[in-house]
N, C-alpha and C. Protein backbone atom coordinates (compact mmCIF):
# COMPACT_ATOMS: atom_id res chain seq x y z
N MET A 1 52.70 156.45 5.01
CA MET A 1 51.39 156.73 5.53
C MET A 1 50.39 155.68 5.06
N ARG A 2 50.51 155.31 3.80
CA ARG A 2 49.59 154.32 3.25
C ARG A 2 49.78 152.97 3.95
N SER A 3 51.01 152.57 4.21
CA SER A 3 51.28 151.30 4.88
C SER A 3 50.77 151.32 6.32
N THR A 4 50.81 152.47 6.98
CA THR A 4 50.28 152.59 8.34
C THR A 4 48.77 152.39 8.33
N GLY A 5 48.10 152.95 7.36
CA GLY A 5 46.65 152.79 7.22
C GLY A 5 46.27 151.34 6.97
N LEU A 6 47.02 150.68 6.11
CA LEU A 6 46.76 149.26 5.84
C LEU A 6 47.02 148.41 7.07
N LEU A 7 48.07 148.76 7.81
CA LEU A 7 48.39 148.03 9.04
C LEU A 7 47.27 148.18 10.06
N LEU A 8 46.78 149.41 10.22
CA LEU A 8 45.67 149.65 11.16
C LEU A 8 44.42 148.89 10.72
N LEU A 9 44.13 148.90 9.43
CA LEU A 9 42.97 148.18 8.90
C LEU A 9 43.11 146.68 9.17
N LEU A 10 44.30 146.15 8.98
CA LEU A 10 44.56 144.73 9.24
C LEU A 10 44.39 144.40 10.72
N VAL A 11 44.89 145.25 11.61
CA VAL A 11 44.77 145.03 13.05
C VAL A 11 43.29 145.04 13.46
N PHE A 12 42.53 146.02 12.97
CA PHE A 12 41.10 146.09 13.29
C PHE A 12 40.35 144.86 12.76
N SER A 13 40.69 144.44 11.56
CA SER A 13 40.01 143.26 10.97
C SER A 13 40.27 142.02 11.80
N VAL A 14 41.53 141.80 12.18
CA VAL A 14 41.89 140.63 12.97
C VAL A 14 41.19 140.68 14.33
N SER A 15 41.14 141.85 14.95
CA SER A 15 40.51 141.96 16.27
C SER A 15 39.00 141.71 16.18
N PHE A 16 38.35 142.19 15.11
CA PHE A 16 36.92 141.92 14.94
C PHE A 16 36.66 140.43 14.74
N VAL A 17 37.49 139.79 13.94
CA VAL A 17 37.35 138.35 13.71
C VAL A 17 37.54 137.60 15.02
N PHE A 18 38.57 137.97 15.79
CA PHE A 18 38.84 137.31 17.06
C PHE A 18 37.66 137.49 18.03
N LEU A 19 37.15 138.71 18.13
CA LEU A 19 36.01 138.96 19.03
C LEU A 19 34.78 138.19 18.58
N GLY A 20 34.54 138.13 17.29
CA GLY A 20 33.40 137.38 16.77
C GLY A 20 33.50 135.90 17.09
N CYS A 21 34.69 135.33 16.94
CA CYS A 21 34.90 133.91 17.26
C CYS A 21 34.71 133.66 18.74
N LYS A 22 35.21 134.55 19.55
CA LYS A 22 35.10 134.40 21.00
C LYS A 22 33.63 134.42 21.42
N GLN A 23 32.84 135.33 20.87
CA GLN A 23 31.42 135.39 21.19
C GLN A 23 30.70 134.14 20.71
N GLY A 24 31.09 133.62 19.55
CA GLY A 24 30.49 132.39 19.04
C GLY A 24 30.75 131.21 19.97
N GLU A 25 31.97 131.13 20.50
CA GLU A 25 32.30 130.06 21.45
C GLU A 25 31.45 130.17 22.71
N GLU A 26 31.24 131.40 23.20
CA GLU A 26 30.44 131.61 24.40
C GLU A 26 29.00 131.17 24.16
N VAL A 27 28.48 131.48 22.98
CA VAL A 27 27.10 131.08 22.65
C VAL A 27 26.99 129.56 22.61
N VAL A 28 27.96 128.89 21.99
CA VAL A 28 27.94 127.43 21.92
C VAL A 28 28.04 126.83 23.32
N ASP A 29 28.97 127.36 24.14
CA ASP A 29 29.12 126.86 25.51
C ASP A 29 27.83 127.04 26.30
N LYS A 30 27.22 128.20 26.18
CA LYS A 30 25.97 128.49 26.91
C LYS A 30 24.85 127.56 26.41
N SER A 31 24.80 127.33 25.11
CA SER A 31 23.78 126.45 24.54
C SER A 31 23.94 125.03 25.07
N GLU A 32 25.18 124.53 25.11
CA GLU A 32 25.42 123.18 25.63
C GLU A 32 25.05 123.10 27.11
N GLU A 33 25.38 124.14 27.85
CA GLU A 33 25.05 124.18 29.28
C GLU A 33 23.53 124.14 29.49
N MET A 34 22.80 124.92 28.69
CA MET A 34 21.34 124.94 28.80
C MET A 34 20.75 123.59 28.42
N HIS A 35 21.32 122.93 27.41
CA HIS A 35 20.84 121.62 26.98
C HIS A 35 21.04 120.59 28.09
N GLN A 36 22.22 120.59 28.71
CA GLN A 36 22.49 119.66 29.80
C GLN A 36 21.55 119.91 30.98
N GLU A 37 21.29 121.18 31.28
CA GLU A 37 20.38 121.52 32.38
C GLU A 37 18.96 121.03 32.07
N ALA A 38 18.52 121.20 30.84
CA ALA A 38 17.19 120.73 30.43
C ALA A 38 17.11 119.21 30.53
N GLU A 39 18.17 118.50 30.12
CA GLU A 39 18.18 117.04 30.22
C GLU A 39 18.08 116.60 31.67
N MET A 40 18.81 117.28 32.57
CA MET A 40 18.77 116.91 33.98
C MET A 40 17.37 117.13 34.55
N LYS A 41 16.72 118.23 34.18
CA LYS A 41 15.36 118.49 34.66
C LYS A 41 14.41 117.43 34.13
N PHE A 42 14.57 117.05 32.84
CA PHE A 42 13.71 116.03 32.25
C PHE A 42 13.90 114.70 32.96
N ASP A 43 15.17 114.29 33.16
CA ASP A 43 15.46 113.03 33.82
C ASP A 43 14.91 113.00 35.24
N ALA A 44 14.98 114.14 35.93
CA ALA A 44 14.50 114.20 37.30
C ALA A 44 12.98 114.06 37.37
N SER A 45 12.27 114.59 36.38
CA SER A 45 10.81 114.53 36.42
C SER A 45 10.25 113.29 35.74
N MET A 46 11.05 112.62 34.92
CA MET A 46 10.56 111.50 34.14
C MET A 46 9.92 110.40 34.98
N PRO A 47 10.57 109.89 36.03
CA PRO A 47 9.96 108.80 36.78
C PRO A 47 8.60 109.15 37.37
N ASP A 48 8.44 110.39 37.82
CA ASP A 48 7.16 110.81 38.38
C ASP A 48 6.06 110.82 37.33
N LYS A 49 6.42 111.06 36.09
CA LYS A 49 5.44 111.08 35.01
C LYS A 49 5.19 109.68 34.46
N VAL A 50 6.24 108.87 34.39
CA VAL A 50 6.13 107.55 33.79
C VAL A 50 5.42 106.56 34.72
N ALA A 51 5.68 106.64 36.01
CA ALA A 51 5.13 105.66 36.97
C ALA A 51 3.60 105.53 36.88
N PRO A 52 2.83 106.62 36.90
CA PRO A 52 1.38 106.46 36.78
C PRO A 52 0.96 105.91 35.42
N GLU A 53 1.68 106.28 34.36
CA GLU A 53 1.35 105.79 33.03
C GLU A 53 1.57 104.28 32.93
N VAL A 54 2.65 103.80 33.54
CA VAL A 54 2.92 102.36 33.52
C VAL A 54 1.82 101.62 34.29
N TRP A 55 1.43 102.16 35.44
CA TRP A 55 0.35 101.54 36.23
C TRP A 55 -0.94 101.47 35.41
N ASP A 56 -1.29 102.58 34.78
CA ASP A 56 -2.50 102.61 33.96
C ASP A 56 -2.42 101.59 32.82
N LEU A 57 -1.26 101.45 32.23
CA LEU A 57 -1.08 100.51 31.14
C LEU A 57 -1.31 99.07 31.60
N ILE A 58 -0.72 98.67 32.71
CA ILE A 58 -0.90 97.28 33.14
C ILE A 58 -2.32 97.00 33.57
N GLN A 59 -3.00 98.02 34.06
CA GLN A 59 -4.42 97.85 34.42
C GLN A 59 -5.28 97.73 33.16
N THR A 60 -5.01 98.57 32.18
CA THR A 60 -5.74 98.52 30.92
C THR A 60 -5.53 97.19 30.22
N GLU A 61 -4.30 96.69 30.28
CA GLU A 61 -3.96 95.41 29.66
C GLU A 61 -4.55 94.23 30.44
N ASP A 62 -4.97 94.48 31.67
CA ASP A 62 -5.52 93.42 32.54
C ASP A 62 -4.52 92.26 32.64
N TYR A 63 -3.33 92.61 33.10
CA TYR A 63 -2.19 91.68 33.10
C TYR A 63 -2.49 90.33 33.74
N LYS A 64 -3.27 90.33 34.80
CA LYS A 64 -3.52 89.08 35.53
C LYS A 64 -4.32 88.08 34.70
N LEU A 65 -5.18 88.57 33.86
CA LEU A 65 -6.02 87.68 33.05
C LEU A 65 -5.46 87.43 31.65
N LYS A 66 -4.81 88.42 31.06
CA LYS A 66 -4.43 88.31 29.65
C LYS A 66 -2.96 87.98 29.40
N TRP A 67 -2.11 88.15 30.38
CA TRP A 67 -0.69 87.88 30.19
C TRP A 67 -0.34 86.49 30.69
N GLU A 68 0.79 86.02 30.22
CA GLU A 68 1.30 84.71 30.64
C GLU A 68 2.11 84.86 31.92
N ASN A 69 2.21 83.77 32.66
CA ASN A 69 3.13 83.75 33.79
C ASN A 69 4.53 83.46 33.29
N TRP A 70 5.52 84.02 33.96
CA TRP A 70 6.90 83.65 33.67
C TRP A 70 6.98 82.16 33.98
N PRO A 71 7.49 81.34 33.08
CA PRO A 71 7.50 79.90 33.31
C PRO A 71 8.07 79.52 34.69
N GLY A 72 7.26 78.81 35.45
CA GLY A 72 7.65 78.36 36.77
C GLY A 72 7.43 79.37 37.88
N LYS A 73 6.86 80.52 37.57
CA LYS A 73 6.64 81.57 38.57
C LYS A 73 5.16 81.96 38.58
N ASP A 74 4.47 81.63 39.66
CA ASP A 74 3.04 81.93 39.75
C ASP A 74 2.75 83.41 39.96
N ASN A 75 3.70 84.13 40.54
CA ASN A 75 3.43 85.52 40.89
C ASN A 75 4.07 86.53 39.94
N ILE A 76 4.63 86.05 38.82
CA ILE A 76 5.24 86.96 37.86
C ILE A 76 4.52 86.83 36.52
N TYR A 77 4.05 87.98 36.03
CA TYR A 77 3.31 88.03 34.77
C TYR A 77 4.15 88.81 33.76
N VAL A 78 4.13 88.35 32.51
CA VAL A 78 4.90 89.02 31.45
C VAL A 78 3.98 89.30 30.26
N ASN A 79 4.20 90.44 29.64
CA ASN A 79 3.40 90.77 28.47
C ASN A 79 3.85 89.91 27.28
N PRO A 80 3.09 89.91 26.18
CA PRO A 80 3.44 89.07 25.03
C PRO A 80 4.86 89.29 24.49
N VAL A 81 5.35 90.53 24.51
CA VAL A 81 6.70 90.82 24.03
C VAL A 81 7.72 90.07 24.88
N ALA A 82 7.55 90.12 26.18
CA ALA A 82 8.47 89.44 27.11
C ALA A 82 8.34 87.93 26.99
N PHE A 83 7.10 87.45 26.89
CA PHE A 83 6.89 86.00 26.82
C PHE A 83 7.56 85.40 25.58
N GLU A 84 7.47 86.11 24.48
CA GLU A 84 8.10 85.63 23.24
C GLU A 84 9.63 85.57 23.41
N ALA A 85 10.20 86.58 24.07
CA ALA A 85 11.65 86.59 24.31
C ALA A 85 12.06 85.43 25.21
N ILE A 86 11.23 85.11 26.19
CA ILE A 86 11.52 83.98 27.08
C ILE A 86 11.46 82.68 26.29
N GLN A 87 10.42 82.53 25.48
CA GLN A 87 10.26 81.30 24.70
C GLN A 87 11.41 81.10 23.70
N LYS A 88 11.87 82.19 23.10
CA LYS A 88 12.95 82.10 22.12
C LYS A 88 14.33 82.08 22.78
N ASP A 89 14.36 82.18 24.12
CA ASP A 89 15.60 82.19 24.88
C ASP A 89 16.55 83.26 24.36
N GLU A 90 16.00 84.45 24.15
CA GLU A 90 16.80 85.56 23.64
C GLU A 90 17.78 86.04 24.70
N ALA A 91 18.82 86.71 24.25
CA ALA A 91 19.87 87.19 25.16
C ALA A 91 19.38 88.31 26.07
N GLU A 92 18.47 89.11 25.59
CA GLU A 92 17.91 90.18 26.41
C GLU A 92 16.49 90.49 25.98
N PHE A 93 15.76 91.13 26.89
CA PHE A 93 14.39 91.51 26.58
C PHE A 93 14.39 92.71 25.65
N PRO A 94 13.48 92.74 24.67
CA PRO A 94 13.41 93.90 23.77
C PRO A 94 12.65 95.06 24.43
N ILE A 95 12.78 96.22 23.80
CA ILE A 95 12.00 97.38 24.24
C ILE A 95 10.53 97.02 24.06
N GLY A 96 9.73 97.38 25.03
CA GLY A 96 8.31 97.05 25.03
C GLY A 96 7.97 95.95 26.04
N THR A 97 9.00 95.33 26.60
CA THR A 97 8.81 94.30 27.61
C THR A 97 8.24 94.91 28.89
N ILE A 98 7.26 94.22 29.48
CA ILE A 98 6.74 94.62 30.79
C ILE A 98 6.65 93.35 31.64
N ILE A 99 7.18 93.45 32.85
CA ILE A 99 7.16 92.33 33.80
C ILE A 99 6.53 92.82 35.09
N VAL A 100 5.54 92.08 35.56
CA VAL A 100 4.83 92.44 36.78
C VAL A 100 5.02 91.32 37.79
N ARG A 101 5.53 91.67 38.97
CA ARG A 101 5.70 90.68 40.04
C ARG A 101 4.86 91.10 41.24
N GLU A 102 3.99 90.22 41.66
CA GLU A 102 3.18 90.47 42.84
C GLU A 102 3.88 89.91 44.06
N LYS A 103 3.95 90.71 45.11
CA LYS A 103 4.57 90.27 46.37
C LYS A 103 3.48 90.19 47.44
N PHE A 104 3.47 89.08 48.14
CA PHE A 104 2.44 88.83 49.14
C PHE A 104 3.03 88.86 50.54
N SER A 105 2.21 89.29 51.50
CA SER A 105 2.63 89.28 52.90
C SER A 105 2.57 87.85 53.43
N THR A 106 3.05 87.64 54.62
CA THR A 106 3.07 86.30 55.21
C THR A 106 1.66 85.74 55.41
N ASP A 107 0.67 86.62 55.54
CA ASP A 107 -0.71 86.14 55.70
C ASP A 107 -1.43 85.94 54.37
N GLY A 108 -0.70 86.10 53.25
CA GLY A 108 -1.26 85.81 51.93
C GLY A 108 -1.93 86.96 51.23
N ASN A 109 -1.91 88.14 51.81
CA ASN A 109 -2.51 89.32 51.16
C ASN A 109 -1.50 89.98 50.21
N LEU A 110 -2.02 90.52 49.12
CA LEU A 110 -1.17 91.23 48.17
C LEU A 110 -0.58 92.46 48.87
N ASP A 111 0.74 92.49 48.95
CA ASP A 111 1.44 93.54 49.68
C ASP A 111 1.86 94.67 48.75
N LYS A 112 2.53 94.32 47.65
CA LYS A 112 2.94 95.32 46.67
C LYS A 112 3.17 94.67 45.33
N ILE A 113 3.26 95.51 44.32
CA ILE A 113 3.43 95.05 42.94
C ILE A 113 4.66 95.75 42.38
N ASN A 114 5.62 94.94 41.94
CA ASN A 114 6.82 95.47 41.28
C ASN A 114 6.58 95.41 39.77
N VAL A 115 6.88 96.49 39.10
CA VAL A 115 6.74 96.52 37.65
C VAL A 115 8.06 96.98 37.04
N ALA A 116 8.53 96.23 36.06
CA ALA A 116 9.72 96.61 35.29
C ALA A 116 9.31 96.69 33.83
N SER A 117 9.68 97.79 33.20
CA SER A 117 9.33 98.00 31.80
C SER A 117 10.56 98.45 31.04
N ARG A 118 10.83 97.82 29.93
CA ARG A 118 11.99 98.22 29.11
C ARG A 118 11.51 99.27 28.13
N ILE A 119 11.77 100.52 28.48
CA ILE A 119 11.31 101.63 27.65
C ILE A 119 12.40 102.20 26.76
N GLY A 120 13.66 101.81 27.04
CA GLY A 120 14.77 102.25 26.21
C GLY A 120 15.25 103.64 26.54
N GLY A 121 16.42 103.97 25.98
CA GLY A 121 16.92 105.33 26.06
C GLY A 121 17.78 105.70 27.24
N ASN A 122 17.99 104.84 28.21
CA ASN A 122 18.80 105.22 29.35
C ASN A 122 19.94 104.22 29.53
N GLU A 123 21.16 104.66 29.22
CA GLU A 123 22.31 103.76 29.29
C GLU A 123 22.56 103.28 30.71
N GLN A 124 22.32 104.13 31.69
CA GLN A 124 22.60 103.78 33.08
C GLN A 124 21.75 102.59 33.54
N THR A 125 20.50 102.56 33.13
CA THR A 125 19.61 101.47 33.54
C THR A 125 19.39 100.47 32.41
N GLU A 126 20.13 100.62 31.32
CA GLU A 126 19.98 99.79 30.13
C GLU A 126 18.56 99.83 29.59
N GLY A 127 17.90 100.97 29.76
CA GLY A 127 16.58 101.18 29.20
C GLY A 127 15.43 100.70 30.05
N TRP A 128 15.69 100.26 31.27
CA TRP A 128 14.62 99.75 32.14
C TRP A 128 14.08 100.85 33.04
N PHE A 129 12.78 100.80 33.25
CA PHE A 129 12.10 101.63 34.25
C PHE A 129 11.44 100.66 35.21
N ALA A 130 11.58 100.90 36.50
CA ALA A 130 10.95 100.00 37.48
C ALA A 130 10.40 100.80 38.64
N ALA A 131 9.26 100.33 39.15
CA ALA A 131 8.63 100.99 40.28
C ALA A 131 7.89 99.96 41.12
N ASP A 132 7.71 100.28 42.39
CA ASP A 132 6.91 99.48 43.31
C ASP A 132 5.60 100.23 43.56
N TYR A 133 4.50 99.49 43.52
CA TYR A 133 3.18 100.08 43.69
C TYR A 133 2.45 99.38 44.83
N ALA A 134 1.59 100.13 45.50
CA ALA A 134 0.65 99.54 46.44
C ALA A 134 -0.44 98.86 45.60
N PRO A 135 -1.20 97.93 46.18
CA PRO A 135 -2.25 97.27 45.40
C PRO A 135 -3.28 98.22 44.77
N ASP A 136 -3.42 99.44 45.35
CA ASP A 136 -4.37 100.40 44.79
C ASP A 136 -3.74 101.29 43.70
N GLY A 137 -2.45 101.06 43.39
CA GLY A 137 -1.79 101.81 42.33
C GLY A 137 -0.95 102.97 42.81
N GLU A 138 -0.97 103.26 44.09
CA GLU A 138 -0.14 104.34 44.61
C GLU A 138 1.33 103.96 44.42
N VAL A 139 2.12 104.90 43.94
CA VAL A 139 3.54 104.65 43.73
C VAL A 139 4.23 104.67 45.09
N ILE A 140 4.83 103.53 45.43
CA ILE A 140 5.58 103.43 46.68
C ILE A 140 7.00 103.94 46.47
N LYS A 141 7.60 103.48 45.38
CA LYS A 141 9.00 103.83 45.14
C LYS A 141 9.33 103.64 43.66
N VAL A 142 10.06 104.58 43.11
CA VAL A 142 10.60 104.43 41.76
C VAL A 142 12.05 103.99 41.95
N ASN A 143 12.40 102.88 41.35
CA ASN A 143 13.74 102.32 41.52
C ASN A 143 14.72 103.01 40.58
N LYS A 144 15.72 103.63 41.15
CA LYS A 144 16.71 104.38 40.36
C LYS A 144 17.76 103.46 39.73
N ASN A 145 18.12 102.41 40.42
CA ASN A 145 19.17 101.50 39.94
C ASN A 145 18.55 100.17 39.54
N VAL A 146 18.15 100.08 38.30
CA VAL A 146 17.51 98.86 37.80
C VAL A 146 18.60 97.98 37.20
N ILE A 147 18.64 96.74 37.64
CA ILE A 147 19.58 95.79 37.08
C ILE A 147 18.96 95.24 35.81
N ASN A 148 19.76 95.09 34.77
CA ASN A 148 19.25 94.58 33.51
C ASN A 148 18.66 93.17 33.72
N ILE A 149 17.41 93.01 33.40
CA ILE A 149 16.71 91.74 33.59
C ILE A 149 16.89 90.91 32.32
N ARG A 150 17.18 89.67 32.47
CA ARG A 150 17.39 88.77 31.33
C ARG A 150 16.32 87.70 31.28
N PRO A 151 15.99 87.23 30.05
CA PRO A 151 15.01 86.13 29.94
C PRO A 151 15.50 84.85 30.58
């Protein structure tokens, strides 16, 4: 009788441990799922939030007057971080680089402004954010596939 009681106690203990582990796994799986879902929502909304901020930054910096031209390019302006990387012939632009390219229509009017900024953190784009703007700052397009720009 005593051995039957111990056997029952052992069976109950093992089943409680098993159930506890199973619930722990479900919590971890659910937590990972929620984290991935939150990351996807953040990534989806990020360009819409970043694009106006980048526009405001280049306007505040007064890129046309205060930044250097990319050597040999009249319509491409680079911030000091980018200009230093170009001068040092670095292998890649550091985080903080901003490049502004003005595109003109055939009649010479400013048609759109392309901006690429190395903000870091995205392996797919190698940390670049890029968007096309109308001359008044309206976002025309956020570029999803940014090719890594080199000095």
